[in-house]
């Protein structure tokens, strides 16, 4: 659903798709209008994805306020406008940097960071030289996409980004982030990937992967591989099981280790009793898929469920009387009989 959000007189275009845990996507550039729809489609059964166009881009107002601080403040405005308590913040290309800047300023509202083909906190002459040479030699496949924006977005956005990364305390601040982070880069990107590897090593709870032979716009040529890794990223972030970089990847080759998720032993299920009407409880769906889907449409996805005012993380199984329930992004759904051995 498209919405124009009014931020103190400035109109920002936005759209939401999907249901589940909230995720805000940041466009690259700086200076790109909306182009991440194909990415949002890959996770719309897991996430409520918000895409928005930054000032000076596409259908948002072109008001010349294109600095990084304003963009970060606009993201926070978007989050509040949609009523999300916490979000995954994601981005592509330069949008990864914007997402990182937002996470540094508002860490308490962040569930995790997802970066695609980006994450460069250096201004290195050799990096730029290799990028320019690769661009001239190989070009770049953006799927035929042409972007509409005020040219000043790139000028002001890049200038203020360079000011941001010149902060001598930035690596220290990043190293103190305790936010699950997941970086998916392209093995054949014309932009060198080593800055993203460095960034992933700075964040203590971070994972880095590469998709072999993919270019910068990964979804154009390798949609299936991106879908798998993106969905794994969301699932690992929401279950807080991101593998540290040193355990999961190397610079030249990185893979996600598949986890065999097992149900906990029966004795470990919390016995929550019956819902107390005097306490706060998340909705409990009946045994029909239709009601579960209806509730997901009505409620913003949350990473926890409430039962008698106690929070349980997404994916938790609890016993309530003779029934077993599972937390599914803010909704309790039936998961079978209370005693699996005596159905």
Foldseek 3Di string as FASTA:
>chain_A
DWDFDQDPNWTKIKDWAAFAAEEEEFEDQLAFADDCPLVCVLQRPHYTYMYIGDAFWDPTHPDLPQELVVRLVVVVVVCVVVPQQAYEYEYAARRQVSSVVNCLVCVVRYLEYEYEAYAALDDDPVQVVQLVVCCVVPNACPPPDDTGGDPVNNVNHVVNSNVVSVPPCVLVSLLPRAHAYEYEYELPESGDDVRVVVSLLSHFRYAYFYDYPAYRNRCVPPVPVSSVRVNVSSVCSLVVNRDRHVVAQDRNGGDDDDDDDDDDPLVPAAAQEAADPVADWFAEAEQDPVRVVVVSVVDHFAQWTDGRNDTDGAQGWHHYPQFIWGHGRRYTYTDDTSDVVPD
